[in-house]
C-alpha atoms as a PDB file:
ATOM      1  CA  MET A   1      -0.025   0.340   0.099  1.00  0.00           C
ATOM      2  CA  ALA A   2       3.236   2.313   0.601  1.00  0.00           C
ATOM      3  CA  ARG A   3       4.465   1.694  -2.192  1.00  0.00           C
ATOM      4  CA  GLU A   4       1.480   2.003  -4.239  1.00  0.00           C
ATOM      5  CA  ALA A   5       1.132   6.102  -2.692  1.00  0.00           C
ATOM      6  CA  VAL A   6       5.266   6.706  -3.424  1.00  0.00           C
ATOM      7  CA  ASN A   7       4.177   5.521  -6.636  1.00  0.00           C
ATOM      8  CA  GLY A   8       0.889   7.692  -7.647  1.00  0.00           C
ATOM      9  CA  ALA A   9       2.996  10.779  -5.673  1.00  0.00           C
ATOM     10  CA  ALA A  10       5.534  10.436  -8.432  1.00  0.00           C
ATOM     11  CA  MET A  11       3.021   9.556 -11.157  1.00  0.00           C
ATOM     12  CA  SER A  12       1.315  12.823 -10.081  1.00  0.00           C
ATOM     13  CA  LYS A  13       4.275  15.244 -10.053  1.00  0.00           C
ATOM     14  CA  SER A  14       6.032  13.557 -13.428  1.00  0.00           C
ATOM     15  CA  ARG A  15       2.326  14.790 -15.153  1.00  0.00           C
ATOM     16  CA  ILE A  16       2.249  18.104 -13.340  1.00  0.00           C
ATOM     17  CA  ALA A  17       5.761  18.155 -14.884  1.00  0.00           C
ATOM     18  CA  TYR A  18       4.687  17.475 -18.407  1.00  0.00           C
ATOM     19  CA  GLU A  19       2.047  19.205 -18.451  1.00  0.00           C
ATOM     20  CA  TRP A  20       3.870  22.653 -17.271  1.00  0.00           C
ATOM     21  CA  ILE A  21       6.596  22.225 -19.809  1.00  0.00           C
ATOM     22  CA  LYS A  22       4.013  21.128 -21.929  1.00  0.00           C
ATOM     23  CA  ALA A  23       2.157  24.587 -21.524  1.00  0.00           C
ATOM     24  CA  ARG A  24       5.362  26.334 -22.212  1.00  0.00           C
ATOM     25  CA  ILE A  25       6.451  24.984 -25.575  1.00  0.00           C
ATOM     26  CA  ALA A  26       2.530  25.356 -26.628  1.00  0.00           C
ATOM     27  CA  ASP A  27       2.661  29.575 -25.851  1.00  0.00           C
ATOM     28  CA  GLY A  28       6.565  29.572 -26.674  1.00  0.00           C
ATOM     29  CA  THR A  29       8.038  30.187 -23.972  1.00  0.00           C
ATOM     30  CA  PHE A  30      10.032  27.329 -24.786  1.00  0.00           C
ATOM     31  CA  SER A  31      11.156  27.961 -29.098  1.00  0.00           C
ATOM     32  CA  PRO A  32      12.046  25.280 -30.780  1.00  0.00           C
ATOM     33  CA  GLY A  33      15.499  24.225 -30.343  1.00  0.00           C
ATOM     34  CA  TYR A  34      15.572  24.836 -26.616  1.00  0.00           C
ATOM     35  CA  ARG A  35      17.214  22.843 -24.528  1.00  0.00           C
ATOM     36  CA  LEU A  36      15.606  20.988 -21.572  1.00  0.00           C
ATOM     37  CA  VAL A  37      17.823  21.008 -18.470  1.00  0.00           C
ATOM     38  CA  LEU A  38      16.729  18.564 -16.217  1.00  0.00           C
ATOM     39  CA  GLY A  39      18.266  20.241 -12.730  1.00  0.00           C
ATOM     40  CA  GLN A  40      17.149  23.428 -14.555  1.00  0.00           C
ATOM     41  CA  LEU A  41      13.832  22.404 -14.574  1.00  0.00           C
ATOM     42  CA  ALA A  42      13.353  20.113 -11.409  1.00  0.00           C
ATOM     43  CA  GLN A  43      14.850  23.456  -9.230  1.00  0.00           C
ATOM     44  CA  GLU A  44      12.386  25.512 -11.001  1.00  0.00           C
ATOM     45  CA  GLN A  45       9.438  22.940 -10.183  1.00  0.00           C
ATOM     46  CA  GLY A  46      10.709  22.129  -6.476  1.00  0.00           C
ATOM     47  CA  VAL A  47      10.830  18.819  -7.476  1.00  0.00           C
ATOM     48  CA  SER A  48      13.659  15.938  -7.788  1.00  0.00           C
ATOM     49  CA  VAL A  49      15.093  15.361 -11.933  1.00  0.00           C
ATOM     50  CA  VAL A  50      12.607  11.909 -11.899  1.00  0.00           C
ATOM     51  CA  PRO A  51       9.417  13.216 -13.141  1.00  0.00           C
ATOM     52  CA  ILE A  52      11.021  15.918 -15.104  1.00  0.00           C
ATOM     53  CA  ARG A  53      12.745  12.892 -17.077  1.00  0.00           C
ATOM     54  CA  GLU A  54       9.712  11.161 -16.903  1.00  0.00           C
ATOM     55  CA  ALA A  55       8.313  14.421 -18.040  1.00  0.00           C
ATOM     56  CA  ILE A  56      10.040  14.422 -21.475  1.00  0.00           C
ATOM     57  CA  ARG A  57       9.772  10.877 -22.412  1.00  0.00           C
ATOM     58  CA  LEU A  58       6.039  11.294 -22.601  1.00  0.00           C
ATOM     59  CA  LEU A  59       6.955  14.578 -24.881  1.00  0.00           C
ATOM     60  CA  GLU A  60       9.579  12.759 -26.703  1.00  0.00           C
ATOM     61  CA  ALA A  61       6.744  10.131 -27.549  1.00  0.00           C
ATOM     62  CA  GLU A  62       4.410  13.055 -28.590  1.00  0.00           C
ATOM     63  CA  GLY A  63       6.897  14.422 -30.930  1.00  0.00           C
ATOM     64  CA  LEU A  64       7.498  17.586 -29.069  1.00  0.00           C
ATOM     65  CA  VAL A  65      10.456  17.169 -27.788  1.00  0.00           C
ATOM     66  CA  THR A  66      13.547  15.324 -29.233  1.00  0.00           C
ATOM     67  CA  PHE A  67      17.004  13.338 -27.104  1.00  0.00           C
ATOM     68  CA  GLU A  68      20.340  13.727 -29.071  1.00  0.00           C
ATOM     69  CA  ARG A  69      23.821  12.221 -27.302  1.00  0.00           C
ATOM     70  CA  HIS A  70      26.010  14.781 -25.698  1.00  0.00           C
ATOM     71  CA  VAL A  71      22.764  18.006 -26.061  1.00  0.00           C
ATOM     72  CA  GLY A  72      20.401  16.237 -24.116  1.00  0.00           C
ATOM     73  CA  ALA A  73      16.806  17.143 -24.532  1.00  0.00           C
ATOM     74  CA  GLN A  74      15.362  20.364 -26.438  1.00  0.00           C
ATOM     75  CA  VAL A  75      11.833  21.347 -27.416  1.00  0.00           C
ATOM     76  CA  ALA A  76      11.688  19.959 -30.838  1.00  0.00           C
ATOM     77  CA  MET A  77      12.951  21.845 -34.186  1.00  0.00           C
ATOM     78  CA  VAL A  78       9.889  22.300 -37.190  1.00  0.00           C
ATOM     79  CA  ASP A  79      11.480  21.694 -40.610  1.00  0.00           C
ATOM     80  CA  GLU A  80       9.578  22.997 -43.188  1.00  0.00           C
ATOM     81  CA  SER A  81       8.624  19.685 -44.977  1.00  0.00           C
ATOM     82  CA  GLU A  82       7.104  18.376 -41.662  1.00  0.00           C
ATOM     83  CA  TYR A  83       5.256  21.254 -40.896  1.00  0.00           C
ATOM     84  CA  GLN A  84       3.640  20.985 -44.810  1.00  0.00           C
ATOM     85  CA  HIS A  85       3.308  17.789 -43.770  1.00  0.00           C
ATOM     86  CA  THR A  86       1.940  17.848 -40.684  1.00  0.00           C
ATOM     87  CA  MET A  87      -0.704  21.022 -41.809  1.00  0.00           C
ATOM     88  CA  GLN A  88      -2.119  18.350 -44.768  1.00  0.00           C
ATOM     89  CA  THR A  89      -2.679  15.654 -42.233  1.00  0.00           C
ATOM     90  CA  LEU A  90      -4.211  18.447 -40.272  1.00  0.00           C
ATOM     91  CA  ALA A  91      -6.274  20.023 -42.546  1.00  0.00           C
ATOM     92  CA  LEU A  92      -7.728  16.216 -43.451  1.00  0.00           C
ATOM     93  CA  VAL A  93      -8.380  14.868 -39.538  1.00  0.00           C
ATOM     94  CA  GLU A  94      -9.475  18.351 -38.850  1.00  0.00           C
ATOM     95  CA  GLY A  95     -11.860  18.779 -41.613  1.00  0.00           C
ATOM     96  CA  TYR A  96     -13.606  15.180 -40.706  1.00  0.00           C
ATOM     97  CA  ALA A  97     -13.515  16.136 -37.261  1.00  0.00           C
ATOM     98  CA  ALA A  98     -15.437  19.511 -37.161  1.00  0.00           C
ATOM     99  CA  ALA A  99     -18.229  17.471 -39.890  1.00  0.00           C
ATOM    100  CA  LEU A 100     -18.584  14.613 -37.563  1.00  0.00           C
ATOM    101  CA  ALA A 101     -19.090  17.457 -34.655  1.00  0.00           C
ATOM    102  CA  ALA A 102     -21.567  19.258 -36.842  1.00  0.00           C
ATOM    103  CA  PRO A 103     -24.308  17.207 -36.552  1.00  0.00           C
ATOM    104  CA  VAL A 104     -23.564  16.756 -32.285  1.00  0.00           C
ATOM    105  CA  LEU A 105     -22.643  20.436 -31.250  1.00  0.00           C
ATOM    106  CA  PRO A 106     -23.511  21.329 -27.600  1.00  0.00           C
ATOM    107  CA  PRO A 107     -26.008  24.464 -27.258  1.00  0.00           C
ATOM    108  CA  GLY A 108     -24.629  27.498 -27.114  1.00  0.00           C
ATOM    109  CA  THR A 109     -21.374  26.236 -29.110  1.00  0.00           C
ATOM    110  CA  LEU A 110     -21.438  28.503 -32.517  1.00  0.00           C
ATOM    111  CA  GLU A 111     -22.133  31.067 -29.536  1.00  0.00           C
ATOM    112  CA  ARG A 112     -18.840  30.727 -27.693  1.00  0.00           C
ATOM    113  CA  ALA A 113     -17.204  30.258 -31.237  1.00  0.00           C
ATOM    114  CA  ARG A 114     -18.212  33.903 -32.675  1.00  0.00           C
ATOM    115  CA  ALA A 115     -17.225  35.427 -29.375  1.00  0.00           C
ATOM    116  CA  LEU A 116     -13.723  33.772 -29.673  1.00  0.00           C
ATOM    117  CA  ASN A 117     -13.691  35.137 -33.156  1.00  0.00           C
ATOM    118  CA  SER A 118     -14.762  38.513 -32.231  1.00  0.00           C
ATOM    119  CA  ASP A 119     -11.787  38.646 -30.051  1.00  0.00           C
ATOM    120  CA  LEU A 120      -9.559  37.287 -33.178  1.00  0.00           C
ATOM    121  CA  ALA A 121     -10.902  40.470 -35.041  1.00  0.00           C
ATOM    122  CA  ASP A 122     -10.087  42.740 -31.796  1.00  0.00           C
ATOM    123  CA  CYS A 123      -6.496  41.552 -32.315  1.00  0.00           C
ATOM    124  CA  LEU A 124      -6.254  42.889 -35.741  1.00  0.00           C
ATOM    125  CA  GLY A 125      -5.881  46.390 -34.714  1.00  0.00           C
ATOM    126  CA  HIS A 126      -2.980  45.755 -32.386  1.00  0.00           C
ATOM    127  CA  PHE A 127      -1.778  42.723 -33.425  1.00  0.00           C
ATOM    128  CA  GLU A 128      -0.163  40.178 -30.789  1.00  0.00           C
ATOM    129  CA  PRO A 129       0.707  36.730 -32.619  1.00  0.00           C
ATOM    130  CA  ALA A 130       0.969  34.997 -29.256  1.00  0.00           C
ATOM    131  CA  ARG A 131      -2.794  36.648 -28.175  1.00  0.00           C
ATOM    132  CA  PHE A 132      -4.207  35.389 -31.320  1.00  0.00           C
ATOM    133  CA  THR A 133      -2.183  32.173 -31.871  1.00  0.00           C
ATOM    134  CA  ALA A 134      -4.348  31.456 -28.546  1.00  0.00           C
ATOM    135  CA  LEU A 135      -7.696  32.442 -29.183  1.00  0.00           C
ATOM    136  CA  ASN A 136      -7.423  30.464 -33.040  1.00  0.00           C
ATOM    137  CA  ARG A 137      -6.784  27.349 -31.303  1.00  0.00           C
ATOM    138  CA  ASP A 138      -9.238  28.128 -28.608  1.00  0.00           C
ATOM    139  CA  PHE A 139     -12.103  29.078 -31.574  1.00  0.00           C
ATOM    140  CA  HIS A 140     -10.476  25.074 -33.695  1.00  0.00           C
ATOM    141  CA  THR A 141     -11.260  23.386 -30.137  1.00  0.00           C
ATOM    142  CA  VAL A 142     -14.679  24.253 -29.614  1.00  0.00           C
ATOM    143  CA  LEU A 143     -15.703  23.518 -32.916  1.00  0.00           C
ATOM    144  CA  PHE A 144     -14.038  19.874 -33.165  1.00  0.00           C
ATOM    145  CA  THR A 145     -13.995  19.139 -29.407  1.00  0.00           C
ATOM    146  CA  ALA A 146     -17.445  17.228 -30.459  1.00  0.00           C
ATOM    147  CA  CYS A 147     -16.527  14.958 -32.791  1.00  0.00           C
ATOM    148  CA  PRO A 148     -18.120  11.589 -31.301  1.00  0.00           C
ATOM    149  CA  ASN A 149     -14.688   9.627 -32.743  1.00  0.00           C
ATOM    150  CA  PRO A 150     -12.522   9.717 -29.872  1.00  0.00           C
ATOM    151  CA  GLN A 151     -10.104   8.324 -32.274  1.00  0.00           C
ATOM    152  CA  VAL A 152      -9.834  11.398 -34.807  1.00  0.00           C
ATOM    153  CA  LEU A 153     -10.509  13.667 -31.880  1.00  0.00           C
ATOM    154  CA  ASP A 154      -6.506  12.586 -30.950  1.00  0.00           C
ATOM    155  CA  LEU A 155      -5.196  13.150 -34.147  1.00  0.00           C
ATOM    156  CA  VAL A 156      -6.284  16.589 -34.622  1.00  0.00           C
ATOM    157  CA  ARG A 157      -5.161  17.236 -30.928  1.00  0.00           C
ATOM    158  CA  ARG A 158      -1.890  15.878 -31.652  1.00  0.00           C
ATOM    159  CA  GLY A 159      -1.287  17.606 -35.298  1.00  0.00           C
ATOM    160  CA  TRP A 160      -2.593  21.090 -33.093  1.00  0.00           C
ATOM    161  CA  ASP A 161       0.673  19.827 -30.385  1.00  0.00           C
ATOM    162  CA  ARG A 162       3.090  19.340 -32.989  1.00  0.00           C
ATOM    163  CA  LEU A 163       2.402  22.450 -34.783  1.00  0.00           C
ATOM    164  CA  SER A 164       2.620  24.386 -31.855  1.00  0.00           C
ATOM    165  CA  GLY A 165       6.443  25.223 -31.354  1.00  0.00           C
ATOM    166  CA  LEU A 166       5.795  27.601 -34.611  1.00  0.00           C
ATOM    167  CA  ARG A 167       2.579  28.558 -34.597  1.00  0.00           C
ATOM    168  CA  THR A 168       3.378  32.181 -33.086  1.00  0.00           C
ATOM    169  CA  SER A 169       6.125  32.790 -35.401  1.00  0.00           C
ATOM    170  CA  THR A 170       3.479  31.697 -38.526  1.00  0.00           C
ATOM    171  CA  PHE A 171       1.389  34.752 -37.690  1.00  0.00           C
ATOM    172  CA  SER A 172       4.044  37.012 -36.903  1.00  0.00           C
ATOM    173  CA  PHE A 173       5.191  36.665 -40.191  1.00  0.00           C
ATOM    174  CA  VAL A 174       2.722  36.558 -42.061  1.00  0.00           C
ATOM    175  CA  PRO A 175       0.288  38.750 -39.872  1.00  0.00           C
ATOM    176  CA  GLY A 176      -2.122  39.078 -43.175  1.00  0.00           C
ATOM    177  CA  ARG A 177      -2.657  35.888 -42.797  1.00  0.00           C
ATOM    178  CA  ALA A 178      -4.529  36.564 -39.783  1.00  0.00           C
ATOM    179  CA  ARG A 179      -7.070  38.874 -40.816  1.00  0.00           C
ATOM    180  CA  GLU A 180      -8.226  36.266 -43.680  1.00  0.00           C
ATOM    181  CA  SER A 181      -7.615  33.751 -41.125  1.00  0.00           C
ATOM    182  CA  VAL A 182     -11.317  35.585 -39.029  1.00  0.00           C
ATOM    183  CA  ALA A 183     -13.318  36.112 -42.521  1.00  0.00           C
ATOM    184  CA  GLU A 184     -12.710  32.015 -42.904  1.00  0.00           C
ATOM    185  CA  HIS A 185     -14.299  31.490 -39.422  1.00  0.00           C
ATOM    186  CA  GLU A 186     -16.982  34.095 -40.268  1.00  0.00           C
ATOM    187  CA  THR A 187     -17.647  31.756 -43.588  1.00  0.00           C
ATOM    188  CA  ILE A 188     -17.091  28.025 -41.750  1.00  0.00           C
ATOM    189  CA  LEU A 189     -19.772  29.732 -38.828  1.00  0.00           C
ATOM    190  CA  ALA A 190     -22.352  30.773 -41.332  1.00  0.00           C
ATOM    191  CA  LEU A 191     -22.424  26.849 -42.762  1.00  0.00           C
ATOM    192  CA  LEU A 192     -22.691  25.175 -39.224  1.00  0.00           C
ATOM    193  CA  ASP A 193     -25.600  28.004 -38.472  1.00  0.00           C
ATOM    194  CA  ARG A 194     -27.499  26.926 -41.703  1.00  0.00           C
ATOM    195  CA  GLY A 195     -26.819  23.301 -40.735  1.00  0.00           C
ATOM    196  CA  ALA A 196     -24.674  22.745 -43.947  1.00  0.00           C
ATOM    197  CA  PRO A 197     -24.144  19.520 -45.055  1.00  0.00           C
ATOM    198  CA  ALA A 198     -21.415  17.514 -43.377  1.00  0.00           C
ATOM    199  CA  ALA A 199     -19.079  17.581 -46.480  1.00  0.00           C
ATOM    200  CA  GLU A 200     -19.543  20.721 -47.483  1.00  0.00           C
ATOM    201  CA  VAL A 201     -18.625  22.291 -43.472  1.00  0.00           C
ATOM    202  CA  GLU A 202     -15.319  19.184 -44.328  1.00  0.00           C
ATOM    203  CA  LEU A 203     -14.437  21.177 -46.927  1.00  0.00           C
ATOM    204  CA  ALA A 204     -13.941  24.153 -45.883  1.00  0.00           C
ATOM    205  CA  VAL A 205     -12.513  24.097 -42.898  1.00  0.00           C
ATOM    206  CA  ARG A 206     -10.212  21.845 -44.750  1.00  0.00           C
ATOM    207  CA  ALA A 207      -9.543  24.255 -47.395  1.00  0.00           C
ATOM    208  CA  HIS A 208      -9.062  26.987 -44.450  1.00  0.00           C
ATOM    209  CA  ARG A 209      -6.170  24.850 -42.830  1.00  0.00           C
ATOM    210  CA  LEU A 210      -4.801  24.380 -46.415  1.00  0.00           C
ATOM    211  CA  ALA A 211      -5.313  28.413 -46.608  1.00  0.00           C
ATOM    212  CA  THR A 212      -2.715  28.845 -43.723  1.00  0.00           C
ATOM    213  CA  LEU A 213      -0.164  26.486 -45.157  1.00  0.00           C
ATOM    214  CA  ASP A 214       0.021  28.208 -48.515  1.00  0.00           C
ATOM    215  CA  ALA A 215       0.667  31.546 -46.605  1.00  0.00           C
ATOM    216  CA  PHE A 216       3.443  29.851 -44.988  1.00  0.00           C
ATOM    217  CA  LEU A 217       4.732  29.034 -48.417  1.00  0.00           C
ATOM    218  CA  ALA A 218       4.766  31.908 -50.041  1.00  0.00           C
ATOM    219  CA  TYR A 219       5.980  33.559 -47.234  1.00  0.00           C
ATOM    220  CA  ARG A 220       9.035  31.114 -47.259  1.00  0.00           C
ATOM    221  CA  HIS A 221       9.496  31.488 -51.213  1.00  0.00           C
ATOM    222  CA  PRO A 222       8.641  34.347 -52.647  1.00  0.00           C
END
């Protein structure tokens, strides 16, 4: 019994460390290439290196962290081809997730999504990439969370997590894409509001995702 309690406490600390590190990767505090020094992270969290090491292993399994000999753990770099492949995959799975979710959206979902898109529009005047990024993810999450297929939902969330390290800088160097994104959100909301066929919703969400990829590639290859 005592051993189980100890193991449970260790697991809890590992989970807390995992969520803490993952959140800092998502908000850009730990940017691509940032070295994750176990001792330093343990000191910041007030724990031993054991739960930090376990958290790093979990993040490595998700592709958010890499480990190299003589270098150690660091936030995964996102190269152009990897970004492109992830965005293409996410366009497919998120579009499908949104289509599956559309008929079963809980009451108030569209109102919540509209409020978030209004907040996104407000960001355009005095553009703050980090805030826009966070609100953008919230908007999308509201629309795909009701997806009744847990495996599809897991794929969508993993795709978003994989992109999180690059997401803020994407809107930083392609700010014009942010305004287009808000307009496309309105189009998607209009489709959902009138009960458009699932296939139409799926195509709109997919096109929205691919438009961001196109903007990224146009910036990289003018």
